Amino acid sequence: MIEPDFLHTTRTAYDSVAVQYAELFANALDDYPLDRAMLSAFADLVRADGAGTVADVGCGPGHVTALLHRLGLTAFGVDLSAEMIAIARAAHPELRFDVGSMTALALEDGELGGVLARYSIIHTPPERLPEVFAEFHRVLVPGGHLLLAFPAHDKPSELAEAFDHKVALAYRWSPDPVAELLRETGLLQVARMVREPEENERAFQQAHLLVRKA
C-alpha cells in the first residue's frame, strides 16, 4: 500500500527533531493544570468502565503515556516516528511503544477502552480527518472514551485553518465541526474544554473534546 504523502512528511520531520522535541516537552504538562485535569477525568472514566487498555496515539517521547500509567491505566504509545519511539522506549522501558499510524492502527476491533490523541491530529489534512475518527471508533470497545486535544480557532463555519508549525504543516480546528464529525462517526460528546493560551504558548485557544463510543 502506498503511504499518503502527509504521513511520510510528518514522520520525516519528527524523526529529525526527536531529541530536541523530547527535551523541550519533557515537563510541559507541569504548566497546564487544566490539561492535566482533563487527562485525569479521562483516566477516571476509563477505569470506571473496567480499565481497558488505552492507546496514546501520537505519543512522541512518551511522557504523557507515562502519566496515563501513573493514573492507573494500562497504557501504551503509538507514533509515526521511529526516532520518537526509540526515545520513549529508552525513557520508559516498563511501557510498550509501537511505531504506527493513526490511520491504520495494528489493533483488533473493539480492543481498547480508551484512545488519547493529544495534539496528534494537527498534521492531518482536513479531508482525511473522518478516516482517522473512523479508525478510533473501530478500535474502541462500545462505551470506550476518546480524548482529543488540539489548537483551536473560533470560526464555526470552517473546520480547519492552516498555520505555520515549526515541524510540519499543521491545522487549527474549530471545536463545533470537529464534534459534529465525531458524532457522525458514532463518537458522542461527553465534555468540552476550550482554554485561553498560557504565557509560554502561541496565541491560540486550546481545545479538549472528550467523547464516548455509542
N, C-alpha and C. Protein backbone atom coordinates (compact mmCIF):
# COMPACT_ATOMS: atom_id res chain seq x y z
N MET A 1 0.84 -1.20 0.00
CA MET A 1 0.00 0.00 0.00
C MET A 1 0.88 1.25 0.00
N ILE A 2 0.56 2.21 -0.86
CA ILE A 2 1.33 3.45 -0.94
C ILE A 2 0.96 4.35 0.24
N GLU A 3 2.00 4.83 0.93
CA GLU A 3 1.76 5.69 2.09
C GLU A 3 1.37 7.09 1.65
N PRO A 4 0.34 7.68 2.25
CA PRO A 4 -0.01 9.06 1.92
C PRO A 4 1.15 10.01 2.17
N ASP A 5 1.27 11.03 1.35
CA ASP A 5 2.38 11.97 1.45
C ASP A 5 2.45 12.62 2.83
N PHE A 6 1.29 12.95 3.42
CA PHE A 6 1.33 13.67 4.68
C PHE A 6 1.93 12.82 5.80
N LEU A 7 1.75 11.50 5.74
CA LEU A 7 2.35 10.64 6.74
C LEU A 7 3.87 10.59 6.58
N HIS A 8 4.32 10.47 5.36
CA HIS A 8 5.78 10.45 5.11
C HIS A 8 6.41 11.77 5.55
N THR A 9 5.78 12.88 5.21
CA THR A 9 6.32 14.19 5.57
C THR A 9 6.36 14.37 7.08
N THR A 10 5.29 13.99 7.74
CA THR A 10 5.23 14.14 9.20
C THR A 10 6.27 13.26 9.88
N ARG A 11 6.39 12.01 9.45
CA ARG A 11 7.37 11.10 10.04
C ARG A 11 8.79 11.65 9.88
N THR A 12 9.13 12.05 8.68
CA THR A 12 10.48 12.55 8.42
C THR A 12 10.78 13.78 9.26
N ALA A 13 9.80 14.68 9.37
CA ALA A 13 10.00 15.91 10.12
C ALA A 13 10.24 15.62 11.60
N TYR A 14 9.45 14.74 12.18
CA TYR A 14 9.61 14.46 13.61
C TYR A 14 10.83 13.59 13.90
N ASP A 15 11.20 12.72 12.97
CA ASP A 15 12.46 11.99 13.15
C ASP A 15 13.63 12.95 13.29
N SER A 16 13.58 14.05 12.53
CA SER A 16 14.72 14.96 12.50
C SER A 16 14.83 15.83 13.75
N VAL A 17 13.73 15.98 14.51
CA VAL A 17 13.76 16.85 15.69
C VAL A 17 13.45 16.09 16.97
N ALA A 18 13.50 14.76 16.93
CA ALA A 18 13.02 13.96 18.05
C ALA A 18 13.75 14.28 19.36
N VAL A 19 15.06 14.40 19.32
CA VAL A 19 15.81 14.66 20.54
C VAL A 19 15.46 16.02 21.12
N GLN A 20 15.44 17.05 20.28
CA GLN A 20 15.10 18.39 20.76
C GLN A 20 13.66 18.45 21.28
N TYR A 21 12.76 17.78 20.58
CA TYR A 21 11.35 17.76 20.99
C TYR A 21 11.20 17.12 22.37
N ALA A 22 11.87 15.99 22.58
CA ALA A 22 11.78 15.30 23.85
C ALA A 22 12.28 16.16 24.99
N GLU A 23 13.37 16.89 24.76
CA GLU A 23 13.91 17.77 25.79
C GLU A 23 12.98 18.94 26.07
N LEU A 24 12.40 19.49 25.02
CA LEU A 24 11.56 20.68 25.16
C LEU A 24 10.27 20.38 25.91
N PHE A 25 9.67 19.21 25.65
CA PHE A 25 8.35 18.91 26.19
C PHE A 25 8.36 17.92 27.35
N ALA A 26 9.51 17.61 27.87
CA ALA A 26 9.61 16.60 28.93
C ALA A 26 8.72 16.92 30.12
N ASN A 27 8.65 18.20 30.51
CA ASN A 27 7.87 18.59 31.68
C ASN A 27 6.76 19.58 31.32
N ALA A 28 6.31 19.54 30.07
CA ALA A 28 5.37 20.55 29.57
C ALA A 28 4.06 20.56 30.36
N LEU A 29 3.58 19.40 30.77
CA LEU A 29 2.29 19.36 31.46
C LEU A 29 2.32 20.04 32.82
N ASP A 30 3.50 20.25 33.37
CA ASP A 30 3.61 20.94 34.66
C ASP A 30 2.97 22.32 34.61
N ASP A 31 2.97 22.94 33.43
CA ASP A 31 2.47 24.30 33.28
C ASP A 31 0.99 24.37 32.91
N TYR A 32 0.33 23.21 32.73
CA TYR A 32 -1.03 23.21 32.21
C TYR A 32 -1.97 22.44 33.14
N PRO A 33 -2.39 23.02 34.23
CA PRO A 33 -3.24 22.28 35.18
C PRO A 33 -4.59 21.86 34.61
N LEU A 34 -5.16 22.66 33.71
CA LEU A 34 -6.45 22.27 33.13
C LEU A 34 -6.30 21.07 32.21
N ASP A 35 -5.20 21.02 31.48
CA ASP A 35 -4.94 19.85 30.63
C ASP A 35 -4.79 18.59 31.49
N ARG A 36 -4.07 18.72 32.60
CA ARG A 36 -3.90 17.58 33.49
C ARG A 36 -5.25 17.13 34.05
N ALA A 37 -6.13 18.09 34.33
CA ALA A 37 -7.45 17.75 34.85
C ALA A 37 -8.26 16.95 33.83
N MET A 38 -8.17 17.32 32.56
CA MET A 38 -8.88 16.57 31.53
C MET A 38 -8.32 15.16 31.39
N LEU A 39 -7.00 15.03 31.47
CA LEU A 39 -6.39 13.70 31.41
C LEU A 39 -6.81 12.85 32.60
N SER A 40 -6.90 13.47 33.77
CA SER A 40 -7.32 12.75 34.96
C SER A 40 -8.77 12.30 34.84
N ALA A 41 -9.64 13.18 34.32
CA ALA A 41 -11.04 12.81 34.12
C ALA A 41 -11.18 11.67 33.12
N PHE A 42 -10.42 11.73 32.05
CA PHE A 42 -10.39 10.67 31.05
C PHE A 42 -10.00 9.34 31.71
N ALA A 43 -8.95 9.37 32.51
CA ALA A 43 -8.49 8.16 33.18
C ALA A 43 -9.56 7.63 34.13
N ASP A 44 -10.22 8.53 34.86
CA ASP A 44 -11.29 8.10 35.78
C ASP A 44 -12.41 7.38 35.03
N LEU A 45 -12.79 7.93 33.88
CA LEU A 45 -13.89 7.33 33.11
C LEU A 45 -13.50 5.97 32.56
N VAL A 46 -12.28 5.85 32.06
CA VAL A 46 -11.83 4.55 31.54
C VAL A 46 -11.79 3.52 32.66
N ARG A 47 -11.28 3.91 33.81
CA ARG A 47 -11.23 2.98 34.95
C ARG A 47 -12.64 2.58 35.38
N ALA A 48 -13.56 3.54 35.39
CA ALA A 48 -14.93 3.25 35.81
C ALA A 48 -15.61 2.25 34.89
N ASP A 49 -15.18 2.25 33.62
CA ASP A 49 -15.79 1.34 32.65
C ASP A 49 -15.08 -0.01 32.58
N GLY A 50 -14.12 -0.24 33.47
CA GLY A 50 -13.45 -1.54 33.50
C GLY A 50 -11.98 -1.49 33.19
N ALA A 51 -11.42 -0.28 33.04
CA ALA A 51 -9.97 -0.10 32.89
C ALA A 51 -9.39 -0.86 31.71
N GLY A 52 -10.05 -0.76 30.55
CA GLY A 52 -9.48 -1.35 29.35
C GLY A 52 -8.19 -0.66 28.95
N THR A 53 -7.43 -1.30 28.08
CA THR A 53 -6.17 -0.75 27.61
C THR A 53 -6.41 0.56 26.87
N VAL A 54 -5.46 1.50 27.03
CA VAL A 54 -5.54 2.82 26.39
C VAL A 54 -4.35 3.01 25.47
N ALA A 55 -4.61 3.49 24.26
CA ALA A 55 -3.56 3.84 23.32
C ALA A 55 -3.36 5.35 23.32
N ASP A 56 -2.12 5.78 23.52
CA ASP A 56 -1.73 7.18 23.38
C ASP A 56 -1.20 7.34 21.96
N VAL A 57 -2.06 7.83 21.09
CA VAL A 57 -1.78 7.86 19.65
C VAL A 57 -1.08 9.18 19.30
N GLY A 58 0.11 9.08 18.73
CA GLY A 58 0.95 10.25 18.54
C GLY A 58 1.67 10.57 19.83
N CYS A 59 2.21 9.54 20.45
CA CYS A 59 2.75 9.65 21.81
C CYS A 59 4.05 10.41 21.90
N GLY A 60 4.75 10.61 20.77
CA GLY A 60 6.03 11.30 20.84
C GLY A 60 6.99 10.58 21.77
N PRO A 61 7.68 11.32 22.66
CA PRO A 61 8.67 10.71 23.54
C PRO A 61 8.09 9.99 24.74
N GLY A 62 6.77 9.89 24.84
CA GLY A 62 6.15 9.02 25.81
C GLY A 62 5.85 9.59 27.18
N HIS A 63 6.03 10.91 27.37
CA HIS A 63 5.82 11.46 28.71
C HIS A 63 4.35 11.42 29.13
N VAL A 64 3.42 11.58 28.17
CA VAL A 64 2.00 11.52 28.53
C VAL A 64 1.56 10.07 28.70
N THR A 65 2.11 9.16 27.92
CA THR A 65 1.84 7.75 28.13
C THR A 65 2.21 7.35 29.55
N ALA A 66 3.36 7.82 30.01
CA ALA A 66 3.80 7.52 31.38
C ALA A 66 2.85 8.12 32.41
N LEU A 67 2.31 9.31 32.13
CA LEU A 67 1.34 9.91 33.04
C LEU A 67 0.08 9.05 33.12
N LEU A 68 -0.40 8.57 31.98
CA LEU A 68 -1.57 7.70 31.99
C LEU A 68 -1.32 6.46 32.83
N HIS A 69 -0.12 5.92 32.74
CA HIS A 69 0.26 4.76 33.55
C HIS A 69 0.20 5.12 35.04
N ARG A 70 0.71 6.29 35.40
CA ARG A 70 0.68 6.71 36.80
C ARG A 70 -0.75 6.95 37.28
N LEU A 71 -1.65 7.26 36.36
CA LEU A 71 -3.06 7.45 36.71
C LEU A 71 -3.82 6.13 36.80
N GLY A 72 -3.11 5.04 36.68
CA GLY A 72 -3.72 3.74 36.92
C GLY A 72 -4.22 3.01 35.69
N LEU A 73 -3.82 3.47 34.49
CA LEU A 73 -4.27 2.84 33.26
C LEU A 73 -3.21 1.91 32.69
N THR A 74 -3.66 0.88 31.99
CA THR A 74 -2.76 0.07 31.17
C THR A 74 -2.65 0.79 29.83
N ALA A 75 -1.56 1.53 29.68
CA ALA A 75 -1.42 2.43 28.53
C ALA A 75 -0.18 2.06 27.72
N PHE A 76 -0.29 2.25 26.41
CA PHE A 76 0.86 2.10 25.53
C PHE A 76 0.85 3.22 24.51
N GLY A 77 1.99 3.48 23.90
CA GLY A 77 2.11 4.59 22.96
C GLY A 77 2.31 4.12 21.53
N VAL A 78 1.80 4.92 20.60
CA VAL A 78 1.96 4.69 19.16
C VAL A 78 2.41 6.00 18.53
N ASP A 79 3.40 5.94 17.65
CA ASP A 79 3.83 7.15 16.97
C ASP A 79 4.39 6.79 15.60
N LEU A 80 4.21 7.71 14.64
CA LEU A 80 4.78 7.53 13.30
C LEU A 80 6.29 7.49 13.31
N SER A 81 6.89 8.27 14.20
CA SER A 81 8.34 8.49 14.19
C SER A 81 9.08 7.39 14.93
N ALA A 82 9.91 6.64 14.23
CA ALA A 82 10.73 5.62 14.88
C ALA A 82 11.71 6.24 15.86
N GLU A 83 12.19 7.44 15.57
CA GLU A 83 13.11 8.12 16.48
C GLU A 83 12.40 8.48 17.79
N MET A 84 11.17 8.95 17.70
CA MET A 84 10.40 9.26 18.90
C MET A 84 10.17 7.99 19.72
N ILE A 85 9.83 6.90 19.05
CA ILE A 85 9.57 5.65 19.76
C ILE A 85 10.84 5.14 20.44
N ALA A 86 11.98 5.29 19.81
CA ALA A 86 13.23 4.87 20.43
C ALA A 86 13.50 5.66 21.71
N ILE A 87 13.23 6.96 21.69
CA ILE A 87 13.40 7.79 22.89
C ILE A 87 12.42 7.37 23.97
N ALA A 88 11.16 7.14 23.58
CA ALA A 88 10.15 6.73 24.56
C ALA A 88 10.51 5.40 25.22
N ARG A 89 10.98 4.44 24.43
CA ARG A 89 11.35 3.14 24.99
C ARG A 89 12.53 3.26 25.95
N ALA A 90 13.48 4.12 25.62
CA ALA A 90 14.64 4.30 26.50
C ALA A 90 14.24 4.99 27.80
N ALA A 91 13.33 5.97 27.70
CA ALA A 91 12.92 6.73 28.89
C ALA A 91 11.95 5.96 29.78
N HIS A 92 11.16 5.07 29.17
CA HIS A 92 10.12 4.36 29.92
C HIS A 92 10.15 2.87 29.54
N PRO A 93 11.20 2.15 29.92
CA PRO A 93 11.34 0.75 29.48
C PRO A 93 10.26 -0.18 30.00
N GLU A 94 9.52 0.26 31.01
CA GLU A 94 8.47 -0.58 31.57
C GLU A 94 7.19 -0.54 30.74
N LEU A 95 7.13 0.38 29.77
CA LEU A 95 5.92 0.57 28.98
C LEU A 95 6.13 0.12 27.54
N ARG A 96 5.03 -0.12 26.86
CA ARG A 96 5.05 -0.55 25.46
C ARG A 96 4.92 0.67 24.54
N PHE A 97 5.75 0.70 23.50
CA PHE A 97 5.67 1.74 22.48
C PHE A 97 5.85 1.10 21.11
N ASP A 98 4.95 1.45 20.18
CA ASP A 98 4.96 0.87 18.84
C ASP A 98 5.03 1.96 17.79
N VAL A 99 5.74 1.68 16.71
CA VAL A 99 5.70 2.55 15.53
C VAL A 99 4.42 2.22 14.77
N GLY A 100 3.63 3.25 14.44
CA GLY A 100 2.38 3.01 13.73
C GLY A 100 1.70 4.30 13.37
N SER A 101 0.61 4.17 12.63
CA SER A 101 -0.14 5.32 12.13
C SER A 101 -1.57 5.29 12.64
N MET A 102 -2.10 6.45 13.01
CA MET A 102 -3.48 6.53 13.46
C MET A 102 -4.48 6.26 12.34
N THR A 103 -4.03 6.26 11.11
CA THR A 103 -4.93 5.94 10.00
C THR A 103 -5.14 4.44 9.83
N ALA A 104 -4.27 3.63 10.44
CA ALA A 104 -4.38 2.17 10.31
C ALA A 104 -3.69 1.54 11.51
N LEU A 105 -4.36 1.55 12.65
CA LEU A 105 -3.78 1.01 13.88
C LEU A 105 -3.75 -0.52 13.82
N ALA A 106 -2.66 -1.09 14.26
CA ALA A 106 -2.49 -2.55 14.25
C ALA A 106 -3.18 -3.15 15.47
N LEU A 107 -4.49 -2.98 15.53
CA LEU A 107 -5.29 -3.40 16.67
C LEU A 107 -6.58 -4.05 16.18
N GLU A 108 -7.13 -4.93 17.01
CA GLU A 108 -8.39 -5.57 16.68
C GLU A 108 -9.55 -4.61 16.91
N ASP A 109 -10.68 -4.88 16.27
CA ASP A 109 -11.89 -4.11 16.52
C ASP A 109 -12.26 -4.21 18.00
N GLY A 110 -12.60 -3.07 18.60
CA GLY A 110 -13.06 -3.06 19.98
C GLY A 110 -12.02 -3.50 20.99
N GLU A 111 -10.74 -3.30 20.69
CA GLU A 111 -9.68 -3.77 21.58
C GLU A 111 -9.39 -2.82 22.74
N LEU A 112 -9.74 -1.55 22.58
CA LEU A 112 -9.30 -0.54 23.54
C LEU A 112 -10.43 0.01 24.39
N GLY A 113 -10.11 0.32 25.64
CA GLY A 113 -11.04 1.03 26.50
C GLY A 113 -10.95 2.53 26.33
N GLY A 114 -9.83 3.01 25.78
CA GLY A 114 -9.66 4.44 25.58
C GLY A 114 -8.60 4.76 24.54
N VAL A 115 -8.74 5.91 23.93
CA VAL A 115 -7.75 6.45 23.00
C VAL A 115 -7.49 7.89 23.40
N LEU A 116 -6.21 8.23 23.51
CA LEU A 116 -5.80 9.62 23.69
C LEU A 116 -5.13 10.08 22.41
N ALA A 117 -5.58 11.20 21.88
CA ALA A 117 -4.94 11.81 20.70
C ALA A 117 -4.65 13.26 21.07
N ARG A 118 -3.55 13.46 21.77
CA ARG A 118 -3.19 14.77 22.29
C ARG A 118 -2.30 15.49 21.27
N TYR A 119 -2.89 16.43 20.55
CA TYR A 119 -2.22 17.23 19.52
C TYR A 119 -1.66 16.37 18.39
N SER A 120 -2.18 15.18 18.22
CA SER A 120 -1.67 14.30 17.18
C SER A 120 -2.49 14.34 15.90
N ILE A 121 -3.64 15.04 15.90
CA ILE A 121 -4.39 15.18 14.64
C ILE A 121 -4.01 16.46 13.90
N ILE A 122 -3.10 17.24 14.45
CA ILE A 122 -2.87 18.58 13.89
C ILE A 122 -2.24 18.55 12.51
N HIS A 123 -1.56 17.46 12.15
CA HIS A 123 -0.93 17.38 10.83
C HIS A 123 -1.79 16.61 9.82
N THR A 124 -3.00 16.26 10.21
CA THR A 124 -3.89 15.50 9.33
C THR A 124 -4.61 16.43 8.36
N PRO A 125 -4.51 16.23 7.06
CA PRO A 125 -5.29 17.05 6.13
C PRO A 125 -6.77 16.97 6.46
N PRO A 126 -7.50 18.06 6.40
CA PRO A 126 -8.91 18.05 6.81
C PRO A 126 -9.75 16.97 6.14
N GLU A 127 -9.48 16.69 4.87
CA GLU A 127 -10.28 15.68 4.18
C GLU A 127 -10.02 14.27 4.70
N ARG A 128 -8.92 14.07 5.44
CA ARG A 128 -8.60 12.75 5.99
C ARG A 128 -9.06 12.57 7.43
N LEU A 129 -9.59 13.64 8.05
CA LEU A 129 -9.97 13.55 9.45
C LEU A 129 -11.08 12.53 9.70
N PRO A 130 -12.12 12.44 8.86
CA PRO A 130 -13.15 11.40 9.09
C PRO A 130 -12.56 9.99 9.08
N GLU A 131 -11.56 9.76 8.26
CA GLU A 131 -10.89 8.45 8.21
C GLU A 131 -10.21 8.14 9.55
N VAL A 132 -9.56 9.13 10.12
CA VAL A 132 -8.90 8.95 11.41
C VAL A 132 -9.92 8.67 12.51
N PHE A 133 -11.00 9.45 12.52
CA PHE A 133 -12.03 9.25 13.54
C PHE A 133 -12.69 7.87 13.40
N ALA A 134 -12.86 7.41 12.17
CA ALA A 134 -13.44 6.08 11.96
C ALA A 134 -12.51 5.00 12.52
N GLU A 135 -11.21 5.21 12.40
CA GLU A 135 -10.26 4.25 12.95
C GLU A 135 -10.29 4.26 14.48
N PHE A 136 -10.40 5.43 15.09
CA PHE A 136 -10.55 5.50 16.54
C PHE A 136 -11.82 4.75 16.98
N HIS A 137 -12.91 5.00 16.27
CA HIS A 137 -14.17 4.33 16.58
C HIS A 137 -14.02 2.81 16.47
N ARG A 138 -13.33 2.35 15.46
CA ARG A 138 -13.18 0.91 15.22
C ARG A 138 -12.48 0.21 16.39
N VAL A 139 -11.43 0.81 16.90
CA VAL A 139 -10.61 0.12 17.90
C VAL A 139 -11.16 0.26 19.32
N LEU A 140 -12.13 1.15 19.52
CA LEU A 140 -12.71 1.33 20.85
C LEU A 140 -13.80 0.29 21.12
N VAL A 141 -13.83 -0.18 22.35
CA VAL A 141 -14.94 -1.01 22.81
C VAL A 141 -16.19 -0.13 22.90
N PRO A 142 -17.39 -0.67 22.72
CA PRO A 142 -18.59 0.14 22.95
C PRO A 142 -18.56 0.75 24.35
N GLY A 143 -18.80 2.05 24.42
CA GLY A 143 -18.69 2.78 25.68
C GLY A 143 -17.31 3.31 25.96
N GLY A 144 -16.32 2.96 25.13
CA GLY A 144 -14.96 3.45 25.32
C GLY A 144 -14.85 4.93 25.05
N HIS A 145 -13.82 5.57 25.61
CA HIS A 145 -13.66 7.02 25.54
C HIS A 145 -12.46 7.42 24.69
N LEU A 146 -12.62 8.54 24.02
CA LEU A 146 -11.56 9.20 23.25
C LEU A 146 -11.40 10.61 23.77
N LEU A 147 -10.15 11.00 24.04
CA LEU A 147 -9.85 12.38 24.41
C LEU A 147 -8.97 12.98 23.33
N LEU A 148 -9.47 14.04 22.71
CA LEU A 148 -8.73 14.79 21.69
C LEU A 148 -8.28 16.12 22.27
N ALA A 149 -7.08 16.55 21.93
CA ALA A 149 -6.62 17.90 22.25
C ALA A 149 -6.01 18.50 21.00
N PHE A 150 -6.28 19.79 20.77
CA PHE A 150 -5.79 20.43 19.55
C PHE A 150 -5.85 21.94 19.69
N PRO A 151 -5.02 22.67 18.95
CA PRO A 151 -5.15 24.12 18.89
C PRO A 151 -6.43 24.47 18.14
N ALA A 152 -7.14 25.48 18.66
CA ALA A 152 -8.48 25.77 18.15
C ALA A 152 -8.56 27.14 17.50
N HIS A 153 -9.57 27.30 16.65
CA HIS A 153 -9.96 28.63 16.17
C HIS A 153 -11.46 28.77 16.37
N ASP A 154 -11.97 29.99 16.24
CA ASP A 154 -13.36 30.25 16.63
C ASP A 154 -14.25 30.60 15.45
N LYS A 155 -14.04 29.91 14.32
CA LYS A 155 -14.88 30.11 13.14
C LYS A 155 -15.69 28.83 12.92
N PRO A 156 -16.89 28.75 13.48
CA PRO A 156 -17.67 27.50 13.40
C PRO A 156 -17.96 27.04 11.99
N SER A 157 -17.94 27.95 11.02
CA SER A 157 -18.25 27.55 9.65
C SER A 157 -17.04 26.92 8.94
N GLU A 158 -15.87 26.96 9.57
CA GLU A 158 -14.65 26.43 8.94
C GLU A 158 -14.05 25.36 9.83
N LEU A 159 -13.93 24.15 9.29
CA LEU A 159 -13.37 23.05 10.07
C LEU A 159 -11.92 23.32 10.45
N ALA A 160 -11.11 23.72 9.49
CA ALA A 160 -9.66 23.79 9.71
C ALA A 160 -9.09 25.12 9.25
N GLU A 161 -8.01 25.50 9.87
CA GLU A 161 -7.27 26.69 9.49
C GLU A 161 -5.78 26.35 9.60
N ALA A 162 -5.08 26.38 8.47
CA ALA A 162 -3.66 26.03 8.47
C ALA A 162 -2.86 27.10 9.21
N PHE A 163 -1.78 26.65 9.87
CA PHE A 163 -0.88 27.61 10.50
C PHE A 163 0.56 27.14 10.35
N ASP A 164 1.48 28.03 10.59
CA ASP A 164 2.90 27.77 10.39
C ASP A 164 3.47 27.06 11.60
N HIS A 165 3.46 25.75 11.55
CA HIS A 165 4.04 24.94 12.62
C HIS A 165 5.53 24.78 12.35
N LYS A 166 6.33 24.72 13.41
CA LYS A 166 7.78 24.68 13.23
C LYS A 166 8.28 23.35 12.66
N VAL A 167 7.46 22.29 12.79
CA VAL A 167 7.93 20.97 12.35
C VAL A 167 7.35 20.60 10.98
N ALA A 168 6.04 20.70 10.82
CA ALA A 168 5.39 20.34 9.55
C ALA A 168 4.06 21.08 9.46
N LEU A 169 3.51 21.15 8.25
CA LEU A 169 2.23 21.82 8.05
C LEU A 169 1.22 21.31 9.07
N ALA A 170 0.51 22.25 9.70
CA ALA A 170 -0.43 21.87 10.75
C ALA A 170 -1.71 22.68 10.63
N TYR A 171 -2.73 22.23 11.36
CA TYR A 171 -4.05 22.84 11.30
C TYR A 171 -4.58 23.09 12.70
N ARG A 172 -5.23 24.25 12.84
CA ARG A 172 -6.09 24.52 13.99
C ARG A 172 -7.49 24.07 13.59
N TRP A 173 -8.26 23.63 14.59
CA TRP A 173 -9.58 23.07 14.31
C TRP A 173 -10.65 23.81 15.08
N SER A 174 -11.82 23.94 14.47
CA SER A 174 -12.97 24.55 15.14
C SER A 174 -13.72 23.47 15.91
N PRO A 175 -13.90 23.61 17.22
CA PRO A 175 -14.48 22.53 18.02
C PRO A 175 -15.86 22.06 17.56
N ASP A 176 -16.72 22.96 17.12
CA ASP A 176 -18.07 22.54 16.72
C ASP A 176 -18.05 21.58 15.53
N PRO A 177 -17.39 21.93 14.42
CA PRO A 177 -17.34 20.97 13.31
C PRO A 177 -16.62 19.68 13.65
N VAL A 178 -15.59 19.75 14.49
CA VAL A 178 -14.90 18.53 14.91
C VAL A 178 -15.87 17.64 15.69
N ALA A 179 -16.62 18.23 16.62
CA ALA A 179 -17.59 17.46 17.40
C ALA A 179 -18.66 16.84 16.50
N GLU A 180 -19.05 17.55 15.44
CA GLU A 180 -20.05 17.01 14.52
C GLU A 180 -19.49 15.84 13.73
N LEU A 181 -18.23 15.94 13.28
CA LEU A 181 -17.59 14.81 12.59
C LEU A 181 -17.52 13.59 13.51
N LEU A 182 -17.16 13.83 14.75
CA LEU A 182 -17.11 12.73 15.72
C LEU A 182 -18.49 12.10 15.89
N ARG A 183 -19.54 12.95 16.00
CA ARG A 183 -20.89 12.44 16.18
C ARG A 183 -21.30 11.58 14.99
N GLU A 184 -20.97 12.03 13.79
CA GLU A 184 -21.32 11.28 12.59
C GLU A 184 -20.62 9.92 12.55
N THR A 185 -19.48 9.83 13.24
CA THR A 185 -18.72 8.58 13.31
C THR A 185 -19.24 7.65 14.39
N GLY A 186 -20.10 8.17 15.27
CA GLY A 186 -20.61 7.38 16.38
C GLY A 186 -19.90 7.64 17.69
N LEU A 187 -19.22 8.79 17.78
CA LEU A 187 -18.49 9.20 18.98
C LEU A 187 -19.18 10.44 19.54
N LEU A 188 -19.82 10.30 20.68
CA LEU A 188 -20.71 11.33 21.21
C LEU A 188 -20.02 12.14 22.30
N GLN A 189 -20.19 13.45 22.25
CA GLN A 189 -19.50 14.34 23.18
C GLN A 189 -19.97 14.12 24.61
N VAL A 190 -19.00 14.02 25.51
CA VAL A 190 -19.23 13.94 26.95
C VAL A 190 -18.89 15.27 27.60
N ALA A 191 -17.79 15.88 27.18
CA ALA A 191 -17.34 17.14 27.77
C ALA A 191 -16.45 17.87 26.78
N ARG A 192 -16.36 19.18 26.99
CA ARG A 192 -15.52 20.03 26.14
C ARG A 192 -14.86 21.09 27.01
N MET A 193 -13.59 21.32 26.77
CA MET A 193 -12.89 22.43 27.41
C MET A 193 -12.14 23.21 26.34
N VAL A 194 -12.36 24.51 26.32
CA VAL A 194 -11.59 25.40 25.46
C VAL A 194 -10.97 26.45 26.38
N ARG A 195 -9.66 26.46 26.44
CA ARG A 195 -8.99 27.40 27.33
C ARG A 195 -8.16 28.40 26.54
N GLU A 196 -7.88 29.51 27.18
CA GLU A 196 -7.02 30.52 26.58
C GLU A 196 -5.56 30.06 26.67
N PRO A 197 -4.70 30.57 25.79
CA PRO A 197 -3.30 30.14 25.82
C PRO A 197 -2.58 30.61 27.07
N GLU A 198 -1.65 29.78 27.53
CA GLU A 198 -0.77 30.18 28.62
C GLU A 198 0.33 31.08 28.06
N GLU A 199 1.10 31.70 28.95
CA GLU A 199 2.11 32.67 28.53
C GLU A 199 3.16 32.06 27.61
N ASN A 200 3.46 30.78 27.81
CA ASN A 200 4.51 30.14 27.02
C ASN A 200 3.98 29.44 25.77
N GLU A 201 2.70 29.68 25.42
CA GLU A 201 2.12 29.08 24.22
C GLU A 201 1.89 30.15 23.16
N ARG A 202 1.73 29.69 21.92
CA ARG A 202 1.31 30.60 20.86
C ARG A 202 -0.09 31.11 21.17
N ALA A 203 -0.45 32.20 20.57
CA ALA A 203 -1.71 32.88 20.91
C ALA A 203 -2.91 32.18 20.29
N PHE A 204 -3.04 30.90 20.55
CA PHE A 204 -4.17 30.11 20.07
C PHE A 204 -4.94 29.57 21.28
N GLN A 205 -6.26 29.53 21.16
CA GLN A 205 -7.02 28.77 22.12
C GLN A 205 -6.67 27.29 22.00
N GLN A 206 -6.84 26.57 23.10
CA GLN A 206 -6.53 25.13 23.12
C GLN A 206 -7.81 24.38 23.52
N ALA A 207 -8.17 23.39 22.72
CA ALA A 207 -9.42 22.68 22.92
C ALA A 207 -9.17 21.23 23.33
N HIS A 208 -10.05 20.73 24.19
CA HIS A 208 -10.10 19.31 24.54
C HIS A 208 -11.54 18.84 24.33
N LEU A 209 -11.71 17.77 23.59
CA LEU A 209 -13.01 17.14 23.42
C LEU A 209 -12.94 15.72 23.95
N LEU A 210 -13.83 15.41 24.87
CA LEU A 210 -13.94 14.07 25.44
C LEU A 210 -15.21 13.45 24.89
N VAL A 211 -15.08 12.33 24.21
CA VAL A 211 -16.23 11.69 23.56
C VAL A 211 -16.27 10.21 23.94
N ARG A 212 -17.44 9.61 23.70
CA ARG A 212 -17.68 8.21 24.07
C ARG A 212 -18.29 7.48 22.90
N LYS A 213 -17.81 6.27 22.67
CA LYS A 213 -18.37 5.45 21.58
C LYS A 213 -19.77 5.00 21.96
N ALA A 214 -20.71 5.26 21.09
CA ALA A 214 -22.11 4.92 21.38
C ALA A 214 -22.29 3.42 21.52
